[in-house]
Amino acid sequence: MKRAIKKTLTLVLAFVSVHIVTSGDAHAQALSKVSNCNGVYEFFGVPQPRIGAGIRYYIAPTQSALLACFKGSRMGGASPLQEYLNNSDISNGDKKAMTGAARKLGFSSPYIHSLGI
């Protein structure tokens, strides 16, 4: 029993240290294509200080692509990236992650939506 607990703790600690190392740079966040949502990508912002998890963001080249992804859901929404950056109380790390994602995808005037943590 003790051996299984020790092995589990070792795996958890290894995961946590890898997550801390890779998530420190906002530009290193992975972009994932959302299945069944044409042109929509998902990524996470930088980890929040007390929680350790990042805010989940969705980005698309057009408003219609983002709205279609959440059609029939109360969670849908789409804001122009520049407007979102100007009006939202978001961290500089998340702002860098958003602009980095848009640049990496080649979106000139993307739309963004957040589902929170």
Protein backbone atom coordinates (compact mmCIF):
# COMPACT_ATOMS: atom_id res chain seq x y z
CA MET A 1 0.00 0.00 0.00
CA LYS A 2 2.76 2.45 0.94
CA ARG A 3 4.57 1.66 -2.29
CA ALA A 4 1.47 2.50 -4.37
CA ILE A 5 1.01 5.80 -2.54
CA LYS A 6 4.67 6.68 -3.02
CA LYS A 7 4.45 5.89 -6.75
CA THR A 8 1.28 8.00 -7.10
CA LEU A 9 2.86 10.95 -5.28
CA THR A 10 5.95 10.72 -7.48
CA LEU A 11 3.81 10.84 -10.63
CA VAL A 12 1.76 13.77 -9.31
CA LEU A 13 4.87 15.74 -8.37
CA ALA A 14 6.42 15.04 -11.78
CA PHE A 15 3.26 16.31 -13.50
CA VAL A 16 3.10 19.44 -11.33
CA SER A 17 6.71 20.34 -12.00
CA VAL A 18 6.31 19.84 -15.76
CA HIS A 19 3.13 21.95 -15.70
CA ILE A 20 4.86 24.76 -13.79
CA VAL A 21 7.83 24.80 -16.17
CA THR A 22 5.75 24.73 -19.35
CA SER A 23 2.97 27.08 -18.30
CA GLY A 24 5.17 29.93 -17.14
CA ASP A 25 5.46 31.40 -20.63
CA ALA A 26 2.15 32.66 -22.00
CA HIS A 27 3.35 32.18 -25.57
CA ALA A 28 4.11 28.50 -24.96
CA GLN A 29 0.45 27.64 -24.44
CA ALA A 30 -0.81 24.96 -26.76
CA LEU A 31 -3.60 25.70 -29.22
CA SER A 32 -6.13 22.92 -29.71
CA LYS A 33 -8.56 22.80 -32.60
CA VAL A 34 -12.08 22.38 -31.24
CA SER A 35 -13.72 19.36 -32.85
CA ASN A 36 -16.95 20.05 -34.74
CA CYS A 37 -16.21 23.79 -34.68
CA ASN A 38 -14.71 24.96 -37.96
CA GLY A 39 -11.88 27.44 -37.38
CA VAL A 40 -12.23 27.58 -33.59
CA TYR A 41 -9.26 26.96 -31.30
CA GLU A 42 -9.01 26.57 -27.54
CA PHE A 43 -6.14 27.62 -25.29
CA PHE A 44 -5.52 28.47 -21.66
CA GLY A 45 -4.22 31.68 -20.18
CA VAL A 46 -1.45 31.80 -17.60
CA PRO A 47 -2.17 30.03 -14.30
CA GLN A 48 -4.00 32.21 -11.79
CA PRO A 49 -1.95 32.90 -8.61
CA ARG A 50 -4.07 31.22 -5.93
CA ILE A 51 -5.69 28.57 -8.11
CA GLY A 52 -2.92 27.37 -10.40
CA ALA A 53 -5.29 26.92 -13.33
CA GLY A 54 -5.54 29.17 -16.36
CA ILE A 55 -8.67 30.70 -17.85
CA ARG A 56 -9.99 28.80 -20.88
CA TYR A 57 -10.24 30.90 -24.04
CA TYR A 58 -11.68 30.21 -27.48
CA ILE A 59 -10.50 32.11 -30.55
CA ALA A 60 -11.80 32.15 -34.12
CA PRO A 61 -11.22 34.24 -37.24
CA THR A 62 -14.88 35.31 -37.41
CA GLN A 63 -17.73 36.03 -35.03
CA SER A 64 -20.02 33.58 -36.82
CA ALA A 65 -17.55 30.69 -36.39
CA LEU A 66 -17.35 31.26 -32.65
CA LEU A 67 -21.11 31.70 -32.20
CA ALA A 68 -21.82 28.56 -34.25
CA CYS A 69 -19.51 26.58 -31.97
CA PHE A 70 -21.68 27.35 -28.93
CA LYS A 71 -25.04 27.37 -30.73
CA GLY A 72 -27.81 26.23 -28.42
CA SER A 73 -25.67 26.79 -25.33
CA ARG A 74 -25.98 29.51 -22.72
CA MET A 75 -22.19 29.74 -22.70
CA GLY A 76 -21.84 31.23 -26.17
CA GLY A 77 -20.40 34.62 -26.95
CA ALA A 78 -17.92 36.37 -29.18
CA SER A 79 -16.06 39.64 -28.72
CA PRO A 80 -13.57 41.26 -31.07
CA LEU A 81 -10.13 40.60 -29.60
CA GLN A 82 -9.12 44.26 -29.50
CA GLU A 83 -12.35 45.22 -27.72
CA TYR A 84 -11.92 42.36 -25.25
CA LEU A 85 -8.35 43.43 -24.47
CA ASN A 86 -9.41 47.06 -23.93
CA ASN A 87 -12.53 46.46 -21.82
CA SER A 88 -11.69 43.42 -19.74
CA ASP A 89 -9.89 43.27 -16.45
CA ILE A 90 -7.45 40.56 -17.54
CA SER A 91 -3.83 39.94 -16.67
CA ASN A 92 -0.97 41.03 -18.89
CA GLY A 93 0.01 37.37 -19.18
CA ASP A 94 -3.40 36.48 -20.60
CA LYS A 95 -3.26 39.46 -22.96
CA LYS A 96 0.06 38.16 -24.28
CA ALA A 97 -1.39 34.65 -24.61
CA MET A 98 -4.36 35.97 -26.63
CA THR A 99 -2.33 38.13 -28.96
CA GLY A 100 0.24 35.34 -29.32
CA ALA A 101 -2.48 32.84 -30.25
CA ALA A 102 -3.94 35.23 -32.83
CA ARG A 103 -0.50 35.84 -34.33
CA LYS A 104 0.37 32.12 -34.36
CA LEU A 105 -2.90 31.29 -36.15
CA GLY A 106 -2.56 34.20 -38.57
CA PHE A 107 -5.89 35.78 -37.55
CA SER A 108 -5.92 39.50 -38.32
CA SER A 109 -9.17 40.49 -36.55
CA PRO A 110 -10.11 37.49 -34.41
CA TYR A 111 -12.98 37.03 -32.02
CA ILE A 112 -12.52 35.62 -28.54
CA HIS A 113 -14.65 34.05 -25.84
CA SER A 114 -13.83 32.89 -22.33
CA LEU A 115 -15.48 30.22 -20.24
CA GLY A 116 -13.51 31.12 -17.13
CA ILE A 117 -11.50 28.70 -15.05
